[in-house]
């Protein structure tokens, strides 16, 4: 592959420009990434873990089958929140691992990533749910919103320290190339021999 280098023990290609002119990244970004993940996970799990109880007590929803059109707004909000949580969690994982050049450091990052995820889940399942059940729903959901705001601010404050790689190409071009190749080769003859396939 022309114009790329490989990391010491990994098969991860890296552009020549980003390897020689690296700015930012490394362990200095570690606290920012984990504080961001902690806040996002507390916010997401805090409202999710007690959501059914909230709908039963506050909206008087005894059965999902009996839910009417008035529940369209909460269910739309839940769907959008789930998409947002799914997108940010995995984007944060890849952005965090991208801050490190060595595979060993990336492995350490993912160990901390999963530890932080489950630590935040435990905090949500205990402290946030307790405050929602025993103090008030407003306080519980307010703590979730505050955790979300905290994670956003921490992520933004660490922006100047992050490693920012320039895109090496348009990902949509590759996707369209695969789709076009599949359409053009749809009538191609496939070998019937087992030795031609990996088992």
C-alpha atoms as a PDB file:
ATOM      1  CA  UNK A   1       0.000   0.000   0.000  1.00  0.00           C
ATOM      2  CA  UNK A   2       1.751   3.143  -1.179  1.00  0.00           C
ATOM      3  CA  UNK A   3       1.882   6.147   1.119  1.00  0.00           C
ATOM      4  CA  UNK A   4       1.147   4.296   4.343  1.00  0.00           C
ATOM      5  CA  UNK A   5       3.100   2.921   7.269  1.00  0.00           C
ATOM      6  CA  UNK A   6       2.188   0.150   9.658  1.00  0.00           C
ATOM      7  CA  UNK A   7       2.286   0.448  13.419  1.00  0.00           C
ATOM      8  CA  UNK A   8       4.793  -1.644  15.374  1.00  0.00           C
ATOM      9  CA  UNK A   9       2.777  -4.792  16.146  1.00  0.00           C
ATOM     10  CA  UNK A  10      -0.552  -3.957  14.529  1.00  0.00           C
ATOM     11  CA  UNK A  11      -1.755  -4.152  10.984  1.00  0.00           C
ATOM     12  CA  UNK A  12      -3.421  -0.753  11.204  1.00  0.00           C
ATOM     13  CA  UNK A  13      -2.444   1.529   8.320  1.00  0.00           C
ATOM     14  CA  UNK A  14      -1.741   5.146   9.096  1.00  0.00           C
ATOM     15  CA  UNK A  15      -1.140   7.973   6.664  1.00  0.00           C
ATOM     16  CA  UNK A  16       2.449   9.127   6.252  1.00  0.00           C
ATOM     17  CA  UNK A  17       1.483  12.716   7.039  1.00  0.00           C
ATOM     18  CA  UNK A  18      -0.273  11.901  10.303  1.00  0.00           C
ATOM     19  CA  UNK A  19       2.600   9.701  11.518  1.00  0.00           C
ATOM     20  CA  UNK A  20       5.292  12.333  10.947  1.00  0.00           C
ATOM     21  CA  UNK A  21       3.344  15.469  11.950  1.00  0.00           C
ATOM     22  CA  UNK A  22       1.353  14.045  14.839  1.00  0.00           C
ATOM     23  CA  UNK A  23      -0.158  16.705  17.054  1.00  0.00           C
ATOM     24  CA  UNK A  24      -2.202  15.909  20.118  1.00  0.00           C
ATOM     25  CA  UNK A  25      -3.540  12.639  21.346  1.00  0.00           C
ATOM     26  CA  UNK A  26      -1.936  10.223  23.756  1.00  0.00           C
ATOM     27  CA  UNK A  27      -2.567   9.735  27.446  1.00  0.00           C
ATOM     28  CA  UNK A  28      -3.305  13.435  28.018  1.00  0.00           C
ATOM     29  CA  UNK A  29      -6.718  12.873  26.386  1.00  0.00           C
ATOM     30  CA  UNK A  30      -7.503   9.904  28.627  1.00  0.00           C
ATOM     31  CA  UNK A  31      -9.309  11.840  31.424  1.00  0.00           C
ATOM     32  CA  UNK A  32     -11.396  13.826  28.944  1.00  0.00           C
ATOM     33  CA  UNK A  33     -12.571  10.730  27.083  1.00  0.00           C
ATOM     34  CA  UNK A  34     -13.452   8.878  30.276  1.00  0.00           C
ATOM     35  CA  UNK A  35     -15.216  11.799  31.924  1.00  0.00           C
ATOM     36  CA  UNK A  36     -17.237  12.190  28.732  1.00  0.00           C
ATOM     37  CA  UNK A  37     -18.101   8.491  28.671  1.00  0.00           C
ATOM     38  CA  UNK A  38     -18.983   8.508  32.367  1.00  0.00           C
ATOM     39  CA  UNK A  39     -21.397  11.423  31.975  1.00  0.00           C
ATOM     40  CA  UNK A  40     -23.012  10.046  28.818  1.00  0.00           C
ATOM     41  CA  UNK A  41     -23.554   6.606  30.308  1.00  0.00           C
ATOM     42  CA  UNK A  42     -24.961   7.953  33.574  1.00  0.00           C
ATOM     43  CA  UNK A  43     -27.340  10.152  31.577  1.00  0.00           C
ATOM     44  CA  UNK A  44     -28.450   7.376  29.221  1.00  0.00           C
ATOM     45  CA  UNK A  45     -28.851   4.592  31.757  1.00  0.00           C
ATOM     46  CA  UNK A  46     -30.301   6.920  34.383  1.00  0.00           C
ATOM     47  CA  UNK A  47     -33.500   7.542  32.452  1.00  0.00           C
ATOM     48  CA  UNK A  48     -33.573   4.149  30.725  1.00  0.00           C
ATOM     49  CA  UNK A  49     -33.436   1.933  33.818  1.00  0.00           C
ATOM     50  CA  UNK A  50     -36.524   3.447  35.423  1.00  0.00           C
ATOM     51  CA  UNK A  51     -38.474   4.419  32.317  1.00  0.00           C
ATOM     52  CA  UNK A  52     -41.204   1.766  32.566  1.00  0.00           C
ATOM     53  CA  UNK A  53     -41.915   2.707  36.191  1.00  0.00           C
ATOM     54  CA  UNK A  54     -42.134   6.368  35.152  1.00  0.00           C
ATOM     55  CA  UNK A  55     -44.565   5.612  32.316  1.00  0.00           C
ATOM     56  CA  UNK A  56     -46.770   3.498  34.594  1.00  0.00           C
ATOM     57  CA  UNK A  57     -46.834   6.008  37.467  1.00  0.00           C
ATOM     58  CA  UNK A  58     -46.894   9.331  35.636  1.00  0.00           C
ATOM     59  CA  UNK A  59     -48.592   8.514  32.317  1.00  0.00           C
ATOM     60  CA  UNK A  60     -50.805   5.799  33.819  1.00  0.00           C
ATOM     61  CA  UNK A  61     -49.784   3.330  31.113  1.00  0.00           C
ATOM     62  CA  UNK A  62     -50.766  -0.094  32.424  1.00  0.00           C
ATOM     63  CA  UNK A  63     -50.275  -1.870  29.122  1.00  0.00           C
ATOM     64  CA  UNK A  64     -48.299  -1.067  26.008  1.00  0.00           C
ATOM     65  CA  UNK A  65     -51.213  -2.412  23.924  1.00  0.00           C
ATOM     66  CA  UNK A  66     -53.503   0.260  25.381  1.00  0.00           C
ATOM     67  CA  UNK A  67     -51.036   3.047  24.608  1.00  0.00           C
ATOM     68  CA  UNK A  68     -52.705   5.636  22.430  1.00  0.00           C
ATOM     69  CA  UNK A  69     -51.572   8.326  20.035  1.00  0.00           C
ATOM     70  CA  UNK A  70     -50.657  10.622  22.941  1.00  0.00           C
ATOM     71  CA  UNK A  71     -47.679   8.360  23.649  1.00  0.00           C
ATOM     72  CA  UNK A  72     -46.258   9.015  20.188  1.00  0.00           C
ATOM     73  CA  UNK A  73     -44.173  11.927  21.464  1.00  0.00           C
ATOM     74  CA  UNK A  74     -42.510  10.032  24.355  1.00  0.00           C
ATOM     75  CA  UNK A  75     -41.844   7.005  22.151  1.00  0.00           C
ATOM     76  CA  UNK A  76     -40.358   9.209  19.434  1.00  0.00           C
ATOM     77  CA  UNK A  77     -38.147  10.838  22.061  1.00  0.00           C
ATOM     78  CA  UNK A  78     -37.050   7.419  23.329  1.00  0.00           C
ATOM     79  CA  UNK A  79     -36.192   6.310  19.799  1.00  0.00           C
ATOM     80  CA  UNK A  80     -34.144   9.430  19.087  1.00  0.00           C
ATOM     81  CA  UNK A  81     -32.340   9.124  22.427  1.00  0.00           C
ATOM     82  CA  UNK A  82     -31.489   5.475  21.753  1.00  0.00           C
ATOM     83  CA  UNK A  83     -30.073   6.349  18.333  1.00  0.00           C
ATOM     84  CA  UNK A  84     -28.052   9.180  19.872  1.00  0.00           C
ATOM     85  CA  UNK A  85     -26.658   7.008  22.657  1.00  0.00           C
ATOM     86  CA  UNK A  86     -25.728   4.263  20.216  1.00  0.00           C
ATOM     87  CA  UNK A  87     -23.972   6.680  17.910  1.00  0.00           C
ATOM     88  CA  UNK A  88     -22.035   8.607  20.540  1.00  0.00           C
ATOM     89  CA  UNK A  89     -20.852   5.579  22.496  1.00  0.00           C
ATOM     90  CA  UNK A  90     -19.219   3.863  19.528  1.00  0.00           C
ATOM     91  CA  UNK A  91     -17.929   7.091  18.049  1.00  0.00           C
ATOM     92  CA  UNK A  92     -16.309   7.910  21.384  1.00  0.00           C
ATOM     93  CA  UNK A  93     -14.728   4.443  21.474  1.00  0.00           C
ATOM     94  CA  UNK A  94     -13.121   4.818  18.056  1.00  0.00           C
ATOM     95  CA  UNK A  95     -12.100   8.439  18.655  1.00  0.00           C
ATOM     96  CA  UNK A  96     -10.517   7.461  21.968  1.00  0.00           C
ATOM     97  CA  UNK A  97      -8.601   4.523  20.512  1.00  0.00           C
ATOM     98  CA  UNK A  98      -7.427   6.768  17.674  1.00  0.00           C
ATOM     99  CA  UNK A  99      -5.598   8.932  20.216  1.00  0.00           C
ATOM    100  CA  UNK A 100      -2.999   6.180  20.679  1.00  0.00           C
ATOM    101  CA  UNK A 101      -0.476   4.824  18.190  1.00  0.00           C
ATOM    102  CA  UNK A 102       0.523   1.620  19.980  1.00  0.00           C
ATOM    103  CA  UNK A 103      -1.783  -1.370  20.066  1.00  0.00           C
ATOM    104  CA  UNK A 104      -0.970  -1.936  23.746  1.00  0.00           C
ATOM    105  CA  UNK A 105      -2.146   1.587  24.591  1.00  0.00           C
ATOM    106  CA  UNK A 106      -5.308   1.067  22.547  1.00  0.00           C
ATOM    107  CA  UNK A 107      -5.959  -2.136  24.491  1.00  0.00           C
ATOM    108  CA  UNK A 108      -5.510  -0.267  27.769  1.00  0.00           C
ATOM    109  CA  UNK A 109      -7.919   2.380  26.520  1.00  0.00           C
ATOM    110  CA  UNK A 110     -10.597  -0.216  25.769  1.00  0.00           C
ATOM    111  CA  UNK A 111     -10.121  -1.828  29.194  1.00  0.00           C
ATOM    112  CA  UNK A 112     -10.767   1.555  30.777  1.00  0.00           C
ATOM    113  CA  UNK A 113     -13.605   2.233  28.335  1.00  0.00           C
ATOM    114  CA  UNK A 114     -15.560  -0.852  29.376  1.00  0.00           C
ATOM    115  CA  UNK A 115     -14.740  -0.380  33.066  1.00  0.00           C
ATOM    116  CA  UNK A 116     -16.049   3.191  32.898  1.00  0.00           C
ATOM    117  CA  UNK A 117     -19.183   2.068  31.060  1.00  0.00           C
ATOM    118  CA  UNK A 118     -20.063  -0.464  33.755  1.00  0.00           C
ATOM    119  CA  UNK A 119     -19.077   1.878  36.597  1.00  0.00           C
ATOM    120  CA  UNK A 120     -21.432   4.521  35.210  1.00  0.00           C
ATOM    121  CA  UNK A 121     -24.115   1.858  34.805  1.00  0.00           C
ATOM    122  CA  UNK A 122     -23.757   0.902  38.468  1.00  0.00           C
ATOM    123  CA  UNK A 123     -24.009   4.558  39.515  1.00  0.00           C
ATOM    124  CA  UNK A 124     -27.130   4.961  37.378  1.00  0.00           C
ATOM    125  CA  UNK A 125     -28.730   1.768  38.671  1.00  0.00           C
ATOM    126  CA  UNK A 126     -28.238   2.829  42.273  1.00  0.00           C
ATOM    127  CA  UNK A 127     -27.986   6.585  42.815  1.00  0.00           C
ATOM    128  CA  UNK A 128     -30.085   7.868  39.912  1.00  0.00           C
ATOM    129  CA  UNK A 129     -32.824   5.240  40.263  1.00  0.00           C
ATOM    130  CA  UNK A 130     -32.917   5.819  44.037  1.00  0.00           C
ATOM    131  CA  UNK A 131     -33.351   9.565  43.557  1.00  0.00           C
ATOM    132  CA  UNK A 132     -36.112   9.006  40.981  1.00  0.00           C
ATOM    133  CA  UNK A 133     -38.001   6.535  43.165  1.00  0.00           C
ATOM    134  CA  UNK A 134     -37.551   8.097  46.601  1.00  0.00           C
ATOM    135  CA  UNK A 135     -36.998  11.825  46.098  1.00  0.00           C
ATOM    136  CA  UNK A 136     -38.520  13.041  42.830  1.00  0.00           C
ATOM    137  CA  UNK A 137     -38.615  12.310  39.142  1.00  0.00           C
ATOM    138  CA  UNK A 138     -37.530  15.876  38.461  1.00  0.00           C
ATOM    139  CA  UNK A 139     -34.338  15.432  40.476  1.00  0.00           C
ATOM    140  CA  UNK A 140     -33.545  12.087  38.840  1.00  0.00           C
ATOM    141  CA  UNK A 141     -34.043  13.315  35.297  1.00  0.00           C
ATOM    142  CA  UNK A 142     -32.322  16.595  36.199  1.00  0.00           C
ATOM    143  CA  UNK A 143     -29.251  14.639  37.333  1.00  0.00           C
ATOM    144  CA  UNK A 144     -29.293  12.795  34.002  1.00  0.00           C
ATOM    145  CA  UNK A 145     -29.463  16.089  32.110  1.00  0.00           C
ATOM    146  CA  UNK A 146     -26.653  17.535  34.257  1.00  0.00           C
ATOM    147  CA  UNK A 147     -24.480  14.477  33.589  1.00  0.00           C
ATOM    148  CA  UNK A 148     -25.134  14.863  29.865  1.00  0.00           C
ATOM    149  CA  UNK A 149     -24.216  18.561  29.955  1.00  0.00           C
ATOM    150  CA  UNK A 150     -21.112  17.792  32.031  1.00  0.00           C
ATOM    151  CA  UNK A 151     -19.929  15.191  29.520  1.00  0.00           C
ATOM    152  CA  UNK A 152     -20.475  17.592  26.627  1.00  0.00           C
ATOM    153  CA  UNK A 153     -18.506  20.378  28.316  1.00  0.00           C
ATOM    154  CA  UNK A 154     -15.622  18.061  29.261  1.00  0.00           C
ATOM    155  CA  UNK A 155     -15.436  16.765  25.703  1.00  0.00           C
ATOM    156  CA  UNK A 156     -15.369  20.304  24.283  1.00  0.00           C
ATOM    157  CA  UNK A 157     -12.726  21.488  26.787  1.00  0.00           C
ATOM    158  CA  UNK A 158     -10.437  18.640  25.732  1.00  0.00           C
ATOM    159  CA  UNK A 159     -10.811  19.368  22.013  1.00  0.00           C
ATOM    160  CA  UNK A 160      -7.493  21.188  21.678  1.00  0.00           C
ATOM    161  CA  UNK A 161      -5.663  18.119  23.030  1.00  0.00           C
ATOM    162  CA  UNK A 162      -7.239  15.546  20.720  1.00  0.00           C
ATOM    163  CA  UNK A 163      -5.505  14.131  17.706  1.00  0.00           C
ATOM    164  CA  UNK A 164      -7.375  15.227  14.589  1.00  0.00           C
ATOM    165  CA  UNK A 165      -6.627  13.140  11.507  1.00  0.00           C
ATOM    166  CA  UNK A 166      -7.664  14.503   8.166  1.00  0.00           C
ATOM    167  CA  UNK A 167      -9.907  12.141   6.207  1.00  0.00           C
ATOM    168  CA  UNK A 168      -7.999  10.085   3.658  1.00  0.00           C
ATOM    169  CA  UNK A 169     -10.932   9.909   1.283  1.00  0.00           C
ATOM    170  CA  UNK A 170     -14.667   9.893   0.970  1.00  0.00           C
ATOM    171  CA  UNK A 171     -16.222   6.772   2.574  1.00  0.00           C
ATOM    172  CA  UNK A 172     -19.273   7.032   0.329  1.00  0.00           C
ATOM    173  CA  UNK A 173     -17.112   6.508  -2.753  1.00  0.00           C
ATOM    174  CA  UNK A 174     -15.988   3.120  -1.423  1.00  0.00           C
ATOM    175  CA  UNK A 175     -19.540   2.123  -0.504  1.00  0.00           C
ATOM    176  CA  UNK A 176     -20.854   3.108  -3.935  1.00  0.00           C
ATOM    177  CA  UNK A 177     -17.985   1.183  -5.538  1.00  0.00           C
ATOM    178  CA  UNK A 178     -18.959  -1.982  -3.665  1.00  0.00           C
ATOM    179  CA  UNK A 179     -22.630  -1.574  -4.581  1.00  0.00           C
ATOM    180  CA  UNK A 180     -21.770  -0.942  -8.231  1.00  0.00           C
ATOM    181  CA  UNK A 181     -19.453  -3.971  -8.348  1.00  0.00           C
ATOM    182  CA  UNK A 182     -22.157  -6.162  -6.782  1.00  0.00           C
ATOM    183  CA  UNK A 183     -24.725  -5.014  -9.348  1.00  0.00           C
ATOM    184  CA  UNK A 184     -22.354  -5.521 -12.278  1.00  0.00           C
ATOM    185  CA  UNK A 185     -21.278  -8.968 -11.060  1.00  0.00           C
ATOM    186  CA  UNK A 186     -24.706 -10.226 -10.051  1.00  0.00           C
ATOM    187  CA  UNK A 187     -24.753 -12.767 -12.888  1.00  0.00           C
ATOM    188  CA  UNK A 188     -21.158 -13.918 -12.414  1.00  0.00           C
ATOM    189  CA  UNK A 189     -20.647 -17.663 -12.163  1.00  0.00           C
ATOM    190  CA  UNK A 190     -19.616 -18.882  -8.737  1.00  0.00           C
ATOM    191  CA  UNK A 191     -17.355 -21.885  -8.199  1.00  0.00           C
ATOM    192  CA  UNK A 192     -19.046 -24.995  -6.843  1.00  0.00           C
ATOM    193  CA  UNK A 193     -15.808 -26.420  -5.466  1.00  0.00           C
ATOM    194  CA  UNK A 194     -15.440 -26.358  -1.678  1.00  0.00           C
ATOM    195  CA  UNK A 195     -11.693 -25.734  -1.877  1.00  0.00           C
ATOM    196  CA  UNK A 196     -12.367 -22.259  -3.298  1.00  0.00           C
ATOM    197  CA  UNK A 197     -14.031 -21.148  -0.069  1.00  0.00           C
ATOM    198  CA  UNK A 198     -12.682 -20.636   3.401  1.00  0.00           C
ATOM    199  CA  UNK A 199     -14.040 -23.041   6.038  1.00  0.00           C
END
